[in-house]
Amino acid sequence: MKDLDQVNSLDQIKWIFEPAKNPTGKAGTSFKDAMMQQIDELPVTDDMAEKFLKKSDVSAADLKMVLEVKFDDIFKR
């Protein structure tokens, strides 16, 4: 998730995982569940939300919602 500091658009953080490898998170949670928890804990700012969503009236919560909704597009499997 540190990648968000170093990119200018969400398209730049698309990652591809081989489904056969089935990456897991801590304590055996699914990769997706682990990543969703990390998204919730991200120190996202309203400025970051404006940068990535390219809108002026958005908040950090809006950016987190987009990351969760578009999770499967960002982390293709």
N, C-alpha and C. Protein backbone atom coordinates (compact mmCIF):
# COMPACT_ATOMS: atom_id res chain seq x y z
N MET A 1 0.80 -1.19 0.00
CA MET A 1 0.00 0.00 0.00
C MET A 1 0.85 1.26 0.00
N LYS A 2 2.11 1.11 0.28
CA LYS A 2 3.01 2.26 0.22
C LYS A 2 3.12 2.80 -1.20
N ASP A 3 2.74 1.99 -2.18
CA ASP A 3 2.82 2.41 -3.57
C ASP A 3 1.98 3.64 -3.84
N LEU A 4 0.94 3.88 -3.06
CA LEU A 4 0.07 5.03 -3.29
C LEU A 4 0.83 6.35 -3.18
N ASP A 5 1.88 6.38 -2.39
CA ASP A 5 2.67 7.60 -2.25
C ASP A 5 3.51 7.89 -3.49
N GLN A 6 3.76 6.87 -4.28
CA GLN A 6 4.72 7.00 -5.37
C GLN A 6 4.11 7.01 -6.76
N VAL A 7 2.79 6.97 -6.87
CA VAL A 7 2.15 6.94 -8.18
C VAL A 7 1.20 8.12 -8.34
N ASN A 8 0.81 8.37 -9.58
CA ASN A 8 -0.08 9.49 -9.86
C ASN A 8 -1.49 9.06 -10.25
N SER A 9 -1.68 7.77 -10.54
CA SER A 9 -3.02 7.29 -10.86
C SER A 9 -3.16 5.85 -10.38
N LEU A 10 -4.40 5.44 -10.14
CA LEU A 10 -4.63 4.08 -9.65
C LEU A 10 -4.26 3.04 -10.69
N ASP A 11 -4.27 3.42 -11.98
CA ASP A 11 -3.85 2.49 -13.03
C ASP A 11 -2.41 2.04 -12.86
N GLN A 12 -1.61 2.85 -12.19
CA GLN A 12 -0.20 2.53 -12.01
C GLN A 12 0.04 1.50 -10.90
N ILE A 13 -0.99 1.10 -10.20
CA ILE A 13 -0.78 0.10 -9.13
C ILE A 13 -1.45 -1.23 -9.44
N LYS A 14 -1.78 -1.47 -10.69
CA LYS A 14 -2.39 -2.76 -11.04
C LYS A 14 -1.34 -3.86 -10.88
N TRP A 15 -1.68 -4.84 -10.10
CA TRP A 15 -0.79 -5.97 -9.86
C TRP A 15 -1.49 -7.22 -10.35
N ILE A 16 -0.72 -8.18 -10.82
CA ILE A 16 -1.30 -9.42 -11.30
C ILE A 16 -0.78 -10.57 -10.45
N PHE A 17 -1.71 -11.41 -10.00
CA PHE A 17 -1.36 -12.58 -9.20
C PHE A 17 -1.79 -13.83 -9.92
N GLU A 18 -0.97 -14.84 -9.88
CA GLU A 18 -1.34 -16.13 -10.44
C GLU A 18 -2.32 -16.79 -9.48
N PRO A 19 -3.52 -17.11 -9.94
CA PRO A 19 -4.49 -17.74 -9.04
C PRO A 19 -3.98 -19.02 -8.40
N ALA A 20 -3.14 -19.77 -9.11
CA ALA A 20 -2.63 -21.03 -8.57
C ALA A 20 -1.79 -20.81 -7.32
N LYS A 21 -1.15 -19.64 -7.23
CA LYS A 21 -0.32 -19.37 -6.06
C LYS A 21 -1.16 -19.01 -4.85
N ASN A 22 -2.38 -18.52 -5.07
CA ASN A 22 -3.32 -18.20 -4.01
C ASN A 22 -2.65 -17.52 -2.82
N PRO A 23 -2.16 -16.29 -3.01
CA PRO A 23 -1.47 -15.61 -1.91
C PRO A 23 -2.38 -15.44 -0.70
N THR A 24 -1.80 -15.59 0.46
CA THR A 24 -2.58 -15.44 1.69
C THR A 24 -1.99 -14.33 2.54
N GLY A 25 -2.82 -13.80 3.40
CA GLY A 25 -2.39 -12.75 4.31
C GLY A 25 -1.98 -13.35 5.64
N LYS A 26 -1.87 -12.49 6.62
CA LYS A 26 -1.49 -12.93 7.96
C LYS A 26 -2.55 -13.87 8.52
N ALA A 27 -2.12 -14.79 9.32
CA ALA A 27 -2.99 -15.75 10.02
C ALA A 27 -3.86 -16.54 9.06
N GLY A 28 -3.37 -16.73 7.82
CA GLY A 28 -4.09 -17.57 6.87
C GLY A 28 -5.29 -16.93 6.22
N THR A 29 -5.51 -15.63 6.43
CA THR A 29 -6.64 -14.97 5.79
C THR A 29 -6.39 -14.90 4.29
N SER A 30 -7.46 -14.77 3.54
CA SER A 30 -7.28 -14.66 2.09
C SER A 30 -6.54 -13.37 1.77
N PHE A 31 -5.89 -13.36 0.63
CA PHE A 31 -5.17 -12.18 0.19
C PHE A 31 -6.12 -10.98 0.15
N LYS A 32 -7.29 -11.18 -0.43
CA LYS A 32 -8.25 -10.08 -0.56
C LYS A 32 -8.67 -9.56 0.81
N ASP A 33 -8.97 -10.44 1.74
CA ASP A 33 -9.36 -10.00 3.09
C ASP A 33 -8.23 -9.22 3.76
N ALA A 34 -7.01 -9.72 3.61
CA ALA A 34 -5.86 -9.03 4.21
C ALA A 34 -5.67 -7.65 3.59
N MET A 35 -5.82 -7.55 2.28
CA MET A 35 -5.65 -6.27 1.60
C MET A 35 -6.78 -5.30 1.96
N MET A 36 -8.00 -5.80 2.09
CA MET A 36 -9.13 -4.94 2.48
C MET A 36 -8.88 -4.35 3.86
N GLN A 37 -8.34 -5.14 4.76
CA GLN A 37 -8.02 -4.62 6.09
C GLN A 37 -6.94 -3.54 5.99
N GLN A 38 -5.95 -3.77 5.15
CA GLN A 38 -4.90 -2.78 4.97
C GLN A 38 -5.44 -1.48 4.38
N ILE A 39 -6.38 -1.60 3.44
CA ILE A 39 -6.99 -0.41 2.85
C ILE A 39 -7.69 0.39 3.94
N ASP A 40 -8.41 -0.29 4.82
CA ASP A 40 -9.11 0.40 5.92
C ASP A 40 -8.13 1.15 6.83
N GLU A 41 -6.92 0.63 6.97
CA GLU A 41 -5.93 1.21 7.88
C GLU A 41 -4.99 2.21 7.21
N LEU A 42 -5.13 2.41 5.90
CA LEU A 42 -4.24 3.32 5.18
C LEU A 42 -4.33 4.74 5.72
N PRO A 43 -3.19 5.41 5.85
CA PRO A 43 -3.20 6.82 6.27
C PRO A 43 -3.43 7.74 5.07
N VAL A 44 -4.59 7.58 4.44
CA VAL A 44 -4.94 8.35 3.25
C VAL A 44 -5.43 9.73 3.66
N THR A 45 -5.06 10.72 2.87
CA THR A 45 -5.50 12.10 3.13
C THR A 45 -6.50 12.53 2.06
N ASP A 46 -7.20 13.61 2.34
CA ASP A 46 -8.12 14.16 1.35
C ASP A 46 -7.36 14.61 0.11
N ASP A 47 -6.14 15.12 0.29
CA ASP A 47 -5.32 15.53 -0.85
C ASP A 47 -5.00 14.35 -1.76
N MET A 48 -4.71 13.21 -1.16
CA MET A 48 -4.45 12.00 -1.95
C MET A 48 -5.70 11.61 -2.72
N ALA A 49 -6.85 11.72 -2.08
CA ALA A 49 -8.12 11.38 -2.74
C ALA A 49 -8.34 12.27 -3.95
N GLU A 50 -8.08 13.55 -3.81
CA GLU A 50 -8.25 14.48 -4.92
C GLU A 50 -7.28 14.14 -6.06
N LYS A 51 -6.07 13.78 -5.69
CA LYS A 51 -5.04 13.43 -6.68
C LYS A 51 -5.47 12.21 -7.51
N PHE A 52 -5.91 11.15 -6.86
CA PHE A 52 -6.22 9.91 -7.55
C PHE A 52 -7.60 9.91 -8.20
N LEU A 53 -8.56 10.55 -7.56
CA LEU A 53 -9.92 10.55 -8.10
C LEU A 53 -10.16 11.71 -9.05
N LYS A 54 -9.20 12.64 -9.09
CA LYS A 54 -9.24 13.79 -9.98
C LYS A 54 -10.53 14.58 -9.83
N LYS A 55 -10.92 14.79 -8.57
CA LYS A 55 -12.09 15.59 -8.21
C LYS A 55 -11.70 16.45 -7.01
N SER A 56 -12.39 17.57 -6.85
CA SER A 56 -12.01 18.46 -5.76
C SER A 56 -12.82 18.24 -4.48
N ASP A 57 -14.00 17.70 -4.58
CA ASP A 57 -14.83 17.52 -3.39
C ASP A 57 -14.89 16.06 -2.95
N VAL A 58 -13.74 15.44 -2.76
CA VAL A 58 -13.69 14.05 -2.32
C VAL A 58 -12.87 13.95 -1.05
N SER A 59 -13.07 12.87 -0.33
CA SER A 59 -12.37 12.69 0.94
C SER A 59 -11.54 11.41 0.91
N ALA A 60 -10.78 11.23 1.95
CA ALA A 60 -9.99 10.00 2.12
C ALA A 60 -10.90 8.78 2.11
N ALA A 61 -12.05 8.90 2.73
CA ALA A 61 -13.02 7.79 2.77
C ALA A 61 -13.48 7.43 1.36
N ASP A 62 -13.64 8.43 0.50
CA ASP A 62 -14.05 8.18 -0.89
C ASP A 62 -12.98 7.36 -1.62
N LEU A 63 -11.73 7.72 -1.41
CA LEU A 63 -10.65 6.98 -2.06
C LEU A 63 -10.60 5.54 -1.56
N LYS A 64 -10.75 5.34 -0.28
CA LYS A 64 -10.74 3.97 0.26
C LYS A 64 -11.89 3.16 -0.33
N MET A 65 -13.05 3.79 -0.51
CA MET A 65 -14.20 3.10 -1.09
C MET A 65 -13.90 2.68 -2.53
N VAL A 66 -13.28 3.57 -3.30
CA VAL A 66 -12.92 3.24 -4.68
C VAL A 66 -11.93 2.08 -4.70
N LEU A 67 -10.94 2.11 -3.82
CA LEU A 67 -9.96 1.01 -3.77
C LEU A 67 -10.65 -0.32 -3.47
N GLU A 68 -11.62 -0.30 -2.57
CA GLU A 68 -12.32 -1.53 -2.23
C GLU A 68 -13.24 -1.99 -3.36
N VAL A 69 -13.95 -1.06 -3.97
CA VAL A 69 -14.88 -1.41 -5.04
C VAL A 69 -14.13 -1.90 -6.28
N LYS A 70 -13.01 -1.28 -6.58
CA LYS A 70 -12.25 -1.64 -7.78
C LYS A 70 -11.11 -2.61 -7.47
N PHE A 71 -11.16 -3.24 -6.33
CA PHE A 71 -10.09 -4.14 -5.90
C PHE A 71 -9.73 -5.16 -6.97
N ASP A 72 -10.74 -5.82 -7.52
CA ASP A 72 -10.47 -6.89 -8.49
C ASP A 72 -9.86 -6.36 -9.77
N ASP A 73 -10.13 -5.10 -10.13
CA ASP A 73 -9.49 -4.51 -11.31
C ASP A 73 -8.04 -4.15 -11.01
N ILE A 74 -7.79 -3.69 -9.79
CA ILE A 74 -6.43 -3.29 -9.42
C ILE A 74 -5.53 -4.51 -9.21
N PHE A 75 -6.06 -5.50 -8.53
CA PHE A 75 -5.29 -6.72 -8.22
C PHE A 75 -5.85 -7.88 -9.03
N LYS A 76 -5.56 -7.89 -10.31
CA LYS A 76 -6.10 -8.92 -11.20
C LYS A 76 -5.53 -10.27 -10.84
N ARG A 77 -6.38 -11.28 -10.96
CA ARG A 77 -5.96 -12.64 -10.64
C ARG A 77 -6.28 -13.54 -11.80
